PDB file of N, CA and C in Angstrom:
ATOM      1  N   MET A   1     -34.001  -1.088  20.360  1.00  0.00           N
ATOM      2  CA  MET A   1     -32.935  -1.817  19.703  1.00  0.00           C
ATOM      3  C   MET A   1     -33.070  -1.626  18.195  1.00  0.00           C
ATOM      4  N   SER A   2     -31.980  -1.281  17.548  1.00  0.00           N
ATOM      5  CA  SER A   2     -31.994  -0.956  16.133  1.00  0.00           C
ATOM      6  C   SER A   2     -31.600  -2.167  15.296  1.00  0.00           C
ATOM      7  N   ASN A   3     -32.084  -2.185  14.048  1.00  0.00           N
ATOM      8  CA  ASN A   3     -31.694  -3.237  13.114  1.00  0.00           C
ATOM      9  C   ASN A   3     -30.397  -2.906  12.395  1.00  0.00           C
ATOM     10  N   GLN A   4     -29.813  -1.763  12.679  1.00  0.00           N
ATOM     11  CA  GLN A   4     -28.574  -1.333  12.044  1.00  0.00           C
ATOM     12  C   GLN A   4     -27.401  -2.131  12.599  1.00  0.00           C
ATOM     13  N   PRO A   5     -26.428  -2.515  11.750  1.00  0.00           N
ATOM     14  CA  PRO A   5     -25.248  -3.213  12.253  1.00  0.00           C
ATOM     15  C   PRO A   5     -24.382  -2.256  13.062  1.00  0.00           C
ATOM     16  N   ALA A   6     -23.578  -2.810  13.935  1.00  0.00           N
ATOM     17  CA  ALA A   6     -22.651  -1.995  14.728  1.00  0.00           C
ATOM     18  C   ALA A   6     -21.705  -1.268  13.799  1.00  0.00           C
ATOM     19  N   LYS A   7     -21.246  -0.107  14.261  1.00  0.00           N
ATOM     20  CA  LYS A   7     -20.312   0.683  13.441  1.00  0.00           C
ATOM     21  C   LYS A   7     -19.080  -0.152  13.119  1.00  0.00           C
ATOM     22  N   GLY A   8     -18.721  -0.202  11.837  1.00  0.00           N
ATOM     23  CA  GLY A   8     -17.562  -0.978  11.405  1.00  0.00           C
ATOM     24  C   GLY A   8     -17.923  -2.395  11.001  1.00  0.00           C
ATOM     25  N   ALA A   9     -19.125  -2.850  11.369  1.00  0.00           N
ATOM     26  CA  ALA A   9     -19.551  -4.188  10.982  1.00  0.00           C
ATOM     27  C   ALA A   9     -20.247  -4.117   9.636  1.00  0.00           C
ATOM     28  N   PRO A  10     -20.132  -5.162   8.834  1.00  0.00           N
ATOM     29  CA  PRO A  10     -20.791  -5.143   7.532  1.00  0.00           C
ATOM     30  C   PRO A  10     -22.306  -5.230   7.686  1.00  0.00           C
ATOM     31  N   ALA A  11     -23.013  -4.600   6.792  1.00  0.00           N
ATOM     32  CA  ALA A  11     -24.466  -4.673   6.808  1.00  0.00           C
ATOM     33  C   ALA A  11     -24.891  -6.076   6.400  1.00  0.00           C
ATOM     34  N   ALA A  12     -26.027  -6.524   6.931  1.00  0.00           N
ATOM     35  CA  ALA A  12     -26.496  -7.872   6.634  1.00  0.00           C
ATOM     36  C   ALA A  12     -26.777  -8.046   5.149  1.00  0.00           C
ATOM     37  N   SER A  13     -27.226  -6.986   4.492  1.00  0.00           N
ATOM     38  CA  SER A  13     -27.558  -7.086   3.072  1.00  0.00           C
ATOM     39  C   SER A  13     -26.323  -7.086   2.178  1.00  0.00           C
ATOM     40  N   SER A  14     -25.178  -6.705   2.712  1.00  0.00           N
ATOM     41  CA  SER A  14     -23.981  -6.617   1.880  1.00  0.00           C
ATOM     42  C   SER A  14     -23.312  -7.972   1.686  1.00  0.00           C
ATOM     43  N   GLY A  15     -23.458  -8.850   2.629  1.00  0.00           N
ATOM     44  CA  GLY A  15     -22.969 -10.210   2.490  1.00  0.00           C
ATOM     45  C   GLY A  15     -21.463 -10.342   2.460  1.00  0.00           C
ATOM     46  N   PRO A  16     -21.016 -11.469   1.912  1.00  0.00           N
ATOM     47  CA  PRO A  16     -19.596 -11.795   1.942  1.00  0.00           C
ATOM     48  C   PRO A  16     -18.726 -10.879   1.082  1.00  0.00           C
ATOM     49  N   THR A  17     -19.319 -10.199   0.112  1.00  0.00           N
ATOM     50  CA  THR A  17     -18.522  -9.318  -0.741  1.00  0.00           C
ATOM     51  C   THR A  17     -17.903  -8.194   0.069  1.00  0.00           C
ATOM     52  N   LEU A  18     -18.694  -7.556   0.924  1.00  0.00           N
ATOM     53  CA  LEU A  18     -18.166  -6.468   1.744  1.00  0.00           C
ATOM     54  C   LEU A  18     -17.165  -6.991   2.762  1.00  0.00           C
ATOM     55  N   VAL A  19     -17.445  -8.153   3.333  1.00  0.00           N
ATOM     56  CA  VAL A  19     -16.521  -8.744   4.300  1.00  0.00           C
ATOM     57  C   VAL A  19     -15.178  -9.021   3.632  1.00  0.00           C
ATOM     58  N   TRP A  20     -15.207  -9.603   2.430  1.00  0.00           N
ATOM     59  CA  TRP A  20     -13.963  -9.867   1.717  1.00  0.00           C
ATOM     60  C   TRP A  20     -13.257  -8.563   1.368  1.00  0.00           C
ATOM     61  N   SER A  21     -14.005  -7.556   0.976  1.00  0.00           N
ATOM     62  CA  SER A  21     -13.423  -6.265   0.635  1.00  0.00           C
ATOM     63  C   SER A  21     -12.701  -5.664   1.841  1.00  0.00           C
ATOM     64  N   GLN A  22     -13.332  -5.739   3.003  1.00  0.00           N
ATOM     65  CA  GLN A  22     -12.696  -5.221   4.219  1.00  0.00           C
ATOM     66  C   GLN A  22     -11.437  -6.017   4.549  1.00  0.00           C
ATOM     67  N   HIS A  23     -11.513  -7.320   4.409  1.00  0.00           N
ATOM     68  CA  HIS A  23     -10.368  -8.186   4.719  1.00  0.00           C
ATOM     69  C   HIS A  23      -9.215  -7.926   3.745  1.00  0.00           C
ATOM     70  N   SER A  24      -9.520  -7.891   2.454  1.00  0.00           N
ATOM     71  CA  SER A  24      -8.463  -7.674   1.468  1.00  0.00           C
ATOM     72  C   SER A  24      -7.875  -6.270   1.594  1.00  0.00           C
ATOM     73  N   PHE A  25      -8.696  -5.303   1.968  1.00  0.00           N
ATOM     74  CA  PHE A  25      -8.196  -3.948   2.174  1.00  0.00           C
ATOM     75  C   PHE A  25      -7.183  -3.918   3.312  1.00  0.00           C
ATOM     76  N   ARG A  26      -7.487  -4.615   4.398  1.00  0.00           N
ATOM     77  CA  ARG A  26      -6.548  -4.672   5.529  1.00  0.00           C
ATOM     78  C   ARG A  26      -5.248  -5.372   5.146  1.00  0.00           C
ATOM     79  N   ILE A  27      -5.350  -6.452   4.395  1.00  0.00           N
ATOM     80  CA  ILE A  27      -4.142  -7.170   3.960  1.00  0.00           C
ATOM     81  C   ILE A  27      -3.293  -6.278   3.064  1.00  0.00           C
ATOM     82  N   LEU A  28      -3.917  -5.603   2.119  1.00  0.00           N
ATOM     83  CA  LEU A  28      -3.166  -4.736   1.200  1.00  0.00           C
ATOM     84  C   LEU A  28      -2.590  -3.522   1.908  1.00  0.00           C
ATOM     85  N   THR A  29      -3.273  -3.008   2.912  1.00  0.00           N
ATOM     86  CA  THR A  29      -2.722  -1.909   3.709  1.00  0.00           C
ATOM     87  C   THR A  29      -1.455  -2.371   4.421  1.00  0.00           C
ATOM     88  N   ALA A  30      -1.531  -3.540   5.035  1.00  0.00           N
ATOM     89  CA  ALA A  30      -0.353  -4.095   5.718  1.00  0.00           C
ATOM     90  C   ALA A  30       0.775  -4.364   4.731  1.00  0.00           C
ATOM     91  N   ALA A  31       0.451  -4.864   3.545  1.00  0.00           N
ATOM     92  CA  ALA A  31       1.471  -5.128   2.530  1.00  0.00           C
ATOM     93  C   ALA A  31       2.143  -3.841   2.062  1.00  0.00           C
ATOM     94  N   ALA A  32       1.364  -2.784   1.879  1.00  0.00           N
ATOM     95  CA  ALA A  32       1.925  -1.499   1.448  1.00  0.00           C
ATOM     96  C   ALA A  32       2.854  -0.917   2.512  1.00  0.00           C
ATOM     97  N   VAL A  33       2.425  -0.984   3.763  1.00  0.00           N
ATOM     98  CA  VAL A  33       3.260  -0.478   4.860  1.00  0.00           C
ATOM     99  C   VAL A  33       4.531  -1.314   4.972  1.00  0.00           C
ATOM    100  N   LEU A  34       4.387  -2.639   4.904  1.00  0.00           N
ATOM    101  CA  LEU A  34       5.547  -3.531   4.979  1.00  0.00           C
ATOM    102  C   LEU A  34       6.515  -3.274   3.823  1.00  0.00           C
ATOM    103  N   LEU A  35       5.982  -3.034   2.645  1.00  0.00           N
ATOM    104  CA  LEU A  35       6.822  -2.751   1.482  1.00  0.00           C
ATOM    105  C   LEU A  35       7.655  -1.490   1.699  1.00  0.00           C
ATOM    106  N   ILE A  36       7.064  -0.458   2.245  1.00  0.00           N
ATOM    107  CA  ILE A  36       7.804   0.783   2.505  1.00  0.00           C
ATOM    108  C   ILE A  36       8.863   0.557   3.577  1.00  0.00           C
ATOM    109  N   VAL A  37       8.530  -0.218   4.599  1.00  0.00           N
ATOM    110  CA  VAL A  37       9.518  -0.533   5.649  1.00  0.00           C
ATOM    111  C   VAL A  37      10.680  -1.326   5.071  1.00  0.00           C
ATOM    112  N   ILE A  38      10.388  -2.337   4.259  1.00  0.00           N
ATOM    113  CA  ILE A  38      11.449  -3.143   3.646  1.00  0.00           C
ATOM    114  C   ILE A  38      12.328  -2.275   2.755  1.00  0.00           C
ATOM    115  N   GLY A  39      11.700  -1.422   1.947  1.00  0.00           N
ATOM    116  CA  GLY A  39      12.466  -0.528   1.073  1.00  0.00           C
ATOM    117  C   GLY A  39      13.345   0.422   1.866  1.00  0.00           C
ATOM    118  N   THR A  40      12.802   0.975   2.928  1.00  0.00           N
ATOM    119  CA  THR A  40      13.565   1.908   3.766  1.00  0.00           C
ATOM    120  C   THR A  40      14.786   1.230   4.366  1.00  0.00           C
ATOM    121  N   VAL A  41      14.597   0.056   4.936  1.00  0.00           N
ATOM    122  CA  VAL A  41      15.715  -0.680   5.541  1.00  0.00           C
ATOM    123  C   VAL A  41      16.731  -1.090   4.470  1.00  0.00           C
ATOM    124  N   ALA A  42      16.247  -1.573   3.338  1.00  0.00           N
ATOM    125  CA  ALA A  42      17.153  -2.019   2.274  1.00  0.00           C
ATOM    126  C   ALA A  42      18.012  -0.869   1.749  1.00  0.00           C
ATOM    127  N   TYR A  43      17.408   0.264   1.477  1.00  0.00           N
ATOM    128  CA  TYR A  43      18.191   1.394   0.967  1.00  0.00           C
ATOM    129  C   TYR A  43      19.140   1.955   2.023  1.00  0.00           C
ATOM    130  N   HIS A  44      18.723   1.891   3.263  1.00  0.00           N
ATOM    131  CA  HIS A  44      19.620   2.328   4.339  1.00  0.00           C
ATOM    132  C   HIS A  44      20.867   1.435   4.385  1.00  0.00           C
ATOM    133  N   LEU A  45      20.674   0.132   4.214  1.00  0.00           N
ATOM    134  CA  LEU A  45      21.802  -0.805   4.261  1.00  0.00           C
ATOM    135  C   LEU A  45      22.593  -0.838   2.953  1.00  0.00           C
ATOM    136  N   LEU A  46      21.905  -0.848   1.826  1.00  0.00           N
ATOM    137  CA  LEU A  46      22.577  -0.976   0.525  1.00  0.00           C
ATOM    138  C   LEU A  46      23.283   0.302   0.084  1.00  0.00           C
ATOM    139  N   GLU A  47      22.678   1.430   0.351  1.00  0.00           N
ATOM    140  CA  GLU A  47      23.213   2.710  -0.127  1.00  0.00           C
ATOM    141  C   GLU A  47      23.845   3.558   0.976  1.00  0.00           C
ATOM    142  N   ASP A  48      23.679   3.141   2.213  1.00  0.00           N
ATOM    143  CA  ASP A  48      24.187   3.894   3.359  1.00  0.00           C
ATOM    144  C   ASP A  48      23.587   5.300   3.411  1.00  0.00           C
ATOM    145  N   TRP A  49      22.304   5.381   3.031  1.00  0.00           N
ATOM    146  CA  TRP A  49      21.580   6.639   3.119  1.00  0.00           C
ATOM    147  C   TRP A  49      21.018   6.785   4.529  1.00  0.00           C
ATOM    148  N   SER A  50      20.665   7.999   4.902  1.00  0.00           N
ATOM    149  CA  SER A  50      20.005   8.217   6.192  1.00  0.00           C
ATOM    150  C   SER A  50      18.633   7.542   6.154  1.00  0.00           C
ATOM    151  N   TRP A  51      18.037   7.389   7.336  1.00  0.00           N
ATOM    152  CA  TRP A  51      16.715   6.768   7.395  1.00  0.00           C
ATOM    153  C   TRP A  51      15.680   7.615   6.648  1.00  0.00           C
ATOM    154  N   VAL A  52      15.812   8.912   6.769  1.00  0.00           N
ATOM    155  CA  VAL A  52      14.858   9.804   6.092  1.00  0.00           C
ATOM    156  C   VAL A  52      15.014   9.710   4.575  1.00  0.00           C
ATOM    157  N   ASP A  53      16.260   9.747   4.083  1.00  0.00           N
ATOM    158  CA  ASP A  53      16.492   9.613   2.638  1.00  0.00           C
ATOM    159  C   ASP A  53      16.006   8.258   2.125  1.00  0.00           C
ATOM    160  N   SER A  54      16.238   7.211   2.904  1.00  0.00           N
ATOM    161  CA  SER A  54      15.815   5.866   2.508  1.00  0.00           C
ATOM    162  C   SER A  54      14.291   5.773   2.429  1.00  0.00           C
ATOM    163  N   PHE A  55      13.611   6.321   3.433  1.00  0.00           N
ATOM    164  CA  PHE A  55      12.148   6.334   3.430  1.00  0.00           C
ATOM    165  C   PHE A  55      11.626   7.158   2.255  1.00  0.00           C
ATOM    166  N   TYR A  56      12.199   8.333   2.074  1.00  0.00           N
ATOM    167  CA  TYR A  56      11.809   9.229   0.982  1.00  0.00           C
ATOM    168  C   TYR A  56      11.949   8.531  -0.372  1.00  0.00           C
ATOM    169  N   PHE A  57      13.095   7.881  -0.614  1.00  0.00           N
ATOM    170  CA  PHE A  57      13.311   7.216  -1.894  1.00  0.00           C
ATOM    171  C   PHE A  57      12.348   6.049  -2.070  1.00  0.00           C
ATOM    172  N   SER A  58      12.069   5.322  -0.996  1.00  0.00           N
ATOM    173  CA  SER A  58      11.136   4.196  -1.073  1.00  0.00           C
ATOM    174  C   SER A  58       9.761   4.654  -1.534  1.00  0.00           C
ATOM    175  N   VAL A  59       9.280   5.733  -0.967  1.00  0.00           N
ATOM    176  CA  VAL A  59       7.962   6.250  -1.328  1.00  0.00           C
ATOM    177  C   VAL A  59       7.973   6.827  -2.736  1.00  0.00           C
ATOM    178  N   VAL A  60       8.995   7.574  -3.076  1.00  0.00           N
ATOM    179  CA  VAL A  60       9.090   8.175  -4.410  1.00  0.00           C
ATOM    180  C   VAL A  60       9.188   7.094  -5.482  1.00  0.00           C
ATOM    181  N   ALA A  61       9.911   6.022  -5.208  1.00  0.00           N
ATOM    182  CA  ALA A  61      10.082   4.955  -6.193  1.00  0.00           C
ATOM    183  C   ALA A  61       8.767   4.224  -6.459  1.00  0.00           C
ATOM    184  N   ILE A  62       8.053   3.807  -5.411  1.00  0.00           N
ATOM    185  CA  ILE A  62       6.832   3.030  -5.660  1.00  0.00           C
ATOM    186  C   ILE A  62       5.650   3.903  -6.069  1.00  0.00           C
ATOM    187  N   SER A  63       5.753   5.197  -5.863  1.00  0.00           N
ATOM    188  CA  SER A  63       4.685   6.076  -6.344  1.00  0.00           C
ATOM    189  C   SER A  63       4.943   6.495  -7.791  1.00  0.00           C
ATOM    190  N   THR A  64       6.050   6.054  -8.352  1.00  0.00           N
ATOM    191  CA  THR A  64       6.491   6.331  -9.727  1.00  0.00           C
ATOM    192  C   THR A  64       6.708   7.813  -9.992  1.00  0.00           C
ATOM    193  N   VAL A  65       6.932   8.590  -8.944  1.00  0.00           N
ATOM    194  CA  VAL A  65       7.218  10.014  -9.123  1.00  0.00           C
ATOM    195  C   VAL A  65       8.618  10.180  -9.682  1.00  0.00           C
ATOM    196  N   GLY A  66       9.609   9.596  -9.014  1.00  0.00           N
ATOM    197  CA  GLY A  66      10.980   9.598  -9.510  1.00  0.00           C
ATOM    198  C   GLY A  66      11.569  10.974  -9.715  1.00  0.00           C
ATOM    199  N   PHE A  67      11.764  11.733  -8.658  1.00  0.00           N
ATOM    200  CA  PHE A  67      12.327  13.075  -8.785  1.00  0.00           C
ATOM    201  C   PHE A  67      13.746  13.074  -9.343  1.00  0.00           C
ATOM    202  N   GLY A  68      14.516  12.042  -9.071  1.00  0.00           N
ATOM    203  CA  GLY A  68      15.868  11.945  -9.599  1.00  0.00           C
ATOM    204  C   GLY A  68      16.930  12.550  -8.710  1.00  0.00           C
ATOM    205  N   ASP A  69      16.551  13.067  -7.555  1.00  0.00           N
ATOM    206  CA  ASP A  69      17.553  13.647  -6.657  1.00  0.00           C
ATOM    207  C   ASP A  69      18.367  12.574  -5.940  1.00  0.00           C
ATOM    208  N   LEU A  70      17.823  11.390  -5.769  1.00  0.00           N
ATOM    209  CA  LEU A  70      18.546  10.238  -5.239  1.00  0.00           C
ATOM    210  C   LEU A  70      18.417   9.118  -6.260  1.00  0.00           C
ATOM    211  N   SER A  71      19.476   8.339  -6.398  1.00  0.00           N
ATOM    212  CA  SER A  71      19.394   7.174  -7.278  1.00  0.00           C
ATOM    213  C   SER A  71      20.354   6.104  -6.776  1.00  0.00           C
ATOM    214  N   PRO A  72      19.989   4.836  -6.978  1.00  0.00           N
ATOM    215  CA  PRO A  72      20.850   3.737  -6.533  1.00  0.00           C
ATOM    216  C   PRO A  72      22.189   3.770  -7.271  1.00  0.00           C
ATOM    217  N   SER A  73      23.257   3.448  -6.545  1.00  0.00           N
ATOM    218  CA  SER A  73      24.584   3.535  -7.166  1.00  0.00           C
ATOM    219  C   SER A  73      25.280   2.186  -7.306  1.00  0.00           C
ATOM    220  N   THR A  74      24.835   1.160  -6.587  1.00  0.00           N
ATOM    221  CA  THR A  74      25.480  -0.154  -6.685  1.00  0.00           C
ATOM    222  C   THR A  74      24.609  -1.089  -7.511  1.00  0.00           C
ATOM    223  N   ASP A  75      25.229  -2.122  -8.052  1.00  0.00           N
ATOM    224  CA  ASP A  75      24.465  -3.090  -8.840  1.00  0.00           C
ATOM    225  C   ASP A  75      23.392  -3.763  -7.991  1.00  0.00           C
ATOM    226  N   GLY A  76      23.729  -4.088  -6.754  1.00  0.00           N
ATOM    227  CA  GLY A  76      22.759  -4.730  -5.861  1.00  0.00           C
ATOM    228  C   GLY A  76      21.553  -3.860  -5.600  1.00  0.00           C
ATOM    229  N   SER A  77      21.788  -2.589  -5.338  1.00  0.00           N
ATOM    230  CA  SER A  77      20.657  -1.704  -5.062  1.00  0.00           C
ATOM    231  C   SER A  77      19.860  -1.394  -6.329  1.00  0.00           C
ATOM    232  N   LYS A  78      20.512  -1.406  -7.476  1.00  0.00           N
ATOM    233  CA  LYS A  78      19.781  -1.210  -8.728  1.00  0.00           C
ATOM    234  C   LYS A  78      18.863  -2.400  -9.005  1.00  0.00           C
ATOM    235  N   LEU A  79      19.366  -3.610  -8.796  1.00  0.00           N
ATOM    236  CA  LEU A  79      18.535  -4.803  -8.989  1.00  0.00           C
ATOM    237  C   LEU A  79      17.395  -4.843  -7.971  1.00  0.00           C
ATOM    238  N   PHE A  80      17.695  -4.485  -6.726  1.00  0.00           N
ATOM    239  CA  PHE A  80      16.649  -4.417  -5.710  1.00  0.00           C
ATOM    240  C   PHE A  80      15.580  -3.418  -6.127  1.00  0.00           C
ATOM    241  N   THR A  81      15.993  -2.275  -6.667  1.00  0.00           N
ATOM    242  CA  THR A  81      15.057  -1.234  -7.071  1.00  0.00           C
ATOM    243  C   THR A  81      14.115  -1.720  -8.169  1.00  0.00           C
ATOM    244  N   VAL A  82      14.636  -2.484  -9.112  1.00  0.00           N
ATOM    245  CA  VAL A  82      13.786  -3.011 -10.189  1.00  0.00           C
ATOM    246  C   VAL A  82      12.673  -3.881  -9.602  1.00  0.00           C
ATOM    247  N   VAL A  83      13.052  -4.816  -8.743  1.00  0.00           N
ATOM    248  CA  VAL A  83      12.069  -5.705  -8.118  1.00  0.00           C
ATOM    249  C   VAL A  83      11.126  -4.909  -7.215  1.00  0.00           C
ATOM    250  N   TYR A  84      11.686  -3.981  -6.469  1.00  0.00           N
ATOM    251  CA  TYR A  84      10.912  -3.160  -5.538  1.00  0.00           C
ATOM    252  C   TYR A  84       9.849  -2.346  -6.264  1.00  0.00           C
ATOM    253  N   ILE A  85      10.207  -1.752  -7.381  1.00  0.00           N
ATOM    254  CA  ILE A  85       9.250  -0.931  -8.131  1.00  0.00           C
ATOM    255  C   ILE A  85       8.159  -1.800  -8.747  1.00  0.00           C
ATOM    256  N   VAL A  86       8.528  -2.935  -9.335  1.00  0.00           N
ATOM    257  CA  VAL A  86       7.523  -3.806  -9.950  1.00  0.00           C
ATOM    258  C   VAL A  86       6.527  -4.299  -8.898  1.00  0.00           C
ATOM    259  N   LEU A  87       7.034  -4.800  -7.776  1.00  0.00           N
ATOM    260  CA  LEU A  87       6.146  -5.255  -6.703  1.00  0.00           C
ATOM    261  C   LEU A  87       5.371  -4.084  -6.100  1.00  0.00           C
ATOM    262  N   GLY A  88       6.057  -2.973  -5.881  1.00  0.00           N
ATOM    263  CA  GLY A  88       5.438  -1.821  -5.245  1.00  0.00           C
ATOM    264  C   GLY A  88       4.304  -1.230  -6.048  1.00  0.00           C
ATOM    265  N   VAL A  89       4.502  -1.078  -7.335  1.00  0.00           N
ATOM    266  CA  VAL A  89       3.442  -0.516  -8.180  1.00  0.00           C
ATOM    267  C   VAL A  89       2.237  -1.451  -8.181  1.00  0.00           C
ATOM    268  N   GLY A  90       2.498  -2.750  -8.234  1.00  0.00           N
ATOM    269  CA  GLY A  90       1.394  -3.713  -8.193  1.00  0.00           C
ATOM    270  C   GLY A  90       0.628  -3.649  -6.893  1.00  0.00           C
ATOM    271  N   ILE A  91       1.329  -3.629  -5.769  1.00  0.00           N
ATOM    272  CA  ILE A  91       0.669  -3.595  -4.463  1.00  0.00           C
ATOM    273  C   ILE A  91      -0.076  -2.282  -4.259  1.00  0.00           C
ATOM    274  N   VAL A  92       0.548  -1.170  -4.622  1.00  0.00           N
ATOM    275  CA  VAL A  92      -0.108   0.128  -4.456  1.00  0.00           C
ATOM    276  C   VAL A  92      -1.347   0.221  -5.351  1.00  0.00           C
ATOM    277  N   THR A  93      -1.271  -0.297  -6.554  1.00  0.00           N
ATOM    278  CA  THR A  93      -2.428  -0.295  -7.457  1.00  0.00           C
ATOM    279  C   THR A  93      -3.569  -1.120  -6.874  1.00  0.00           C
ATOM    280  N   MET A  94      -3.261  -2.308  -6.368  1.00  0.00           N
ATOM    281  CA  MET A  94      -4.302  -3.142  -5.751  1.00  0.00           C
ATOM    282  C   MET A  94      -4.872  -2.466  -4.510  1.00  0.00           C
ATOM    283  N   TYR A  95      -4.006  -1.846  -3.714  1.00  0.00           N
ATOM    284  CA  TYR A  95      -4.453  -1.125  -2.511  1.00  0.00           C
ATOM    285  C   TYR A  95      -5.436  -0.022  -2.886  1.00  0.00           C
ATOM    286  N   LEU A  96      -5.068   0.804  -3.859  1.00  0.00           N
ATOM    287  CA  LEU A  96      -5.945   1.906  -4.264  1.00  0.00           C
ATOM    288  C   LEU A  96      -7.258   1.389  -4.839  1.00  0.00           C
ATOM    289  N   ASN A  97      -7.215   0.306  -5.612  1.00  0.00           N
ATOM    290  CA  ASN A  97      -8.423  -0.288  -6.161  1.00  0.00           C
ATOM    291  C   ASN A  97      -9.362  -0.743  -5.046  1.00  0.00           C
ATOM    292  N   GLU A  98      -8.824  -1.440  -4.046  1.00  0.00           N
ATOM    293  CA  GLU A  98      -9.643  -1.891  -2.926  1.00  0.00           C
ATOM    294  C   GLU A  98     -10.174  -0.709  -2.121  1.00  0.00           C
ATOM    295  N   ARG A  99      -9.356   0.307  -1.971  1.00  0.00           N
ATOM    296  CA  ARG A  99      -9.771   1.508  -1.229  1.00  0.00           C
ATOM    297  C   ARG A  99     -10.967   2.170  -1.908  1.00  0.00           C
ATOM    298  N   PHE A 100     -10.887   2.320  -3.231  1.00  0.00           N
ATOM    299  CA  PHE A 100     -11.981   2.943  -3.968  1.00  0.00           C
ATOM    300  C   PHE A 100     -13.239   2.073  -3.929  1.00  0.00           C
ATOM    301  N   LYS A 101     -13.080   0.757  -4.057  1.00  0.00           N
ATOM    302  CA  LYS A 101     -14.235  -0.137  -3.986  1.00  0.00           C
ATOM    303  C   LYS A 101     -14.877  -0.088  -2.604  1.00  0.00           C
ATOM    304  N   TYR A 102     -14.061  -0.050  -1.566  1.00  0.00           N
ATOM    305  CA  TYR A 102     -14.572   0.007  -0.202  1.00  0.00           C
ATOM    306  C   TYR A 102     -15.354   1.295   0.026  1.00  0.00           C
ATOM    307  N   ARG A 103     -14.796   2.414  -0.431  1.00  0.00           N
ATOM    308  CA  ARG A 103     -15.485   3.708  -0.291  1.00  0.00           C
ATOM    309  C   ARG A 103     -16.802   3.710  -1.067  1.00  0.00           C
ATOM    310  N   ALA A 104     -16.782   3.131  -2.269  1.00  0.00           N
ATOM    311  CA  ALA A 104     -17.998   3.080  -3.077  1.00  0.00           C
ATOM    312  C   ALA A 104     -19.069   2.237  -2.396  1.00  0.00           C
ATOM    313  N   SER A 105     -18.669   1.125  -1.799  1.00  0.00           N
ATOM    314  CA  SER A 105     -19.651   0.283  -1.108  1.00  0.00           C
ATOM    315  C   SER A 105     -20.193   0.980   0.133  1.00  0.00           C
ATOM    316  N   GLU A 106     -19.352   1.762   0.825  1.00  0.00           N
ATOM    317  CA  GLU A 106     -19.834   2.531   1.978  1.00  0.00           C
ATOM    318  C   GLU A 106     -20.876   3.559   1.541  1.00  0.00           C
ATOM    319  N   ARG A 107     -20.592   4.249   0.428  1.00  0.00           N
ATOM    320  CA  ARG A 107     -21.533   5.247  -0.080  1.00  0.00           C
ATOM    321  C   ARG A 107     -22.839   4.604  -0.503  1.00  0.00           C
ATOM    322  N   ALA A 108     -22.754   3.447  -1.153  1.00  0.00           N
ATOM    323  CA  ALA A 108     -23.956   2.754  -1.599  1.00  0.00           C
ATOM    324  C   ALA A 108     -24.779   2.282  -0.402  1.00  0.00           C
ATOM    325  N   GLU A 109     -24.109   1.884   0.661  1.00  0.00           N
ATOM    326  CA  GLU A 109     -24.798   1.430   1.871  1.00  0.00           C
ATOM    327  C   GLU A 109     -25.579   2.558   2.530  1.00  0.00           C
ATOM    328  N   ARG A 110     -25.021   3.761   2.501  1.00  0.00           N
ATOM    329  CA  ARG A 110     -25.678   4.914   3.131  1.00  0.00           C
ATOM    330  C   ARG A 110     -26.927   5.339   2.388  1.00  0.00           C
ATOM    331  N   ARG A 111     -27.047   4.977   1.130  1.00  0.00           N
ATOM    332  CA  ARG A 111     -28.208   5.391   0.316  1.00  0.00           C
ATOM    333  C   ARG A 111     -29.399   4.539   0.556  1.00  0.00           C
TER     334      ARG A 111
END
């Protein structure tokens, strides 16, 4: 019998910090996915774009790439886009921060 924790379980020496990191990472992953789904549905309804175009624009908008090949044309979709980008950039930034911290803690654990 080994003293190693089960795969995917936090190490005993890592304590609540790693547990919180795993929990917050899962929440932020779900928030990022939900944000893309909401954006896709909203652009499909507001702009009457195809599902693929709506998904594409949602990802391009929150990744701040902004190719410019699609753009909102109604006042409602423009206002939605402002809120969507502000929330999206914040959520994606927090997601990436947690992802990097989680990876760093995994690497430190292996050492």
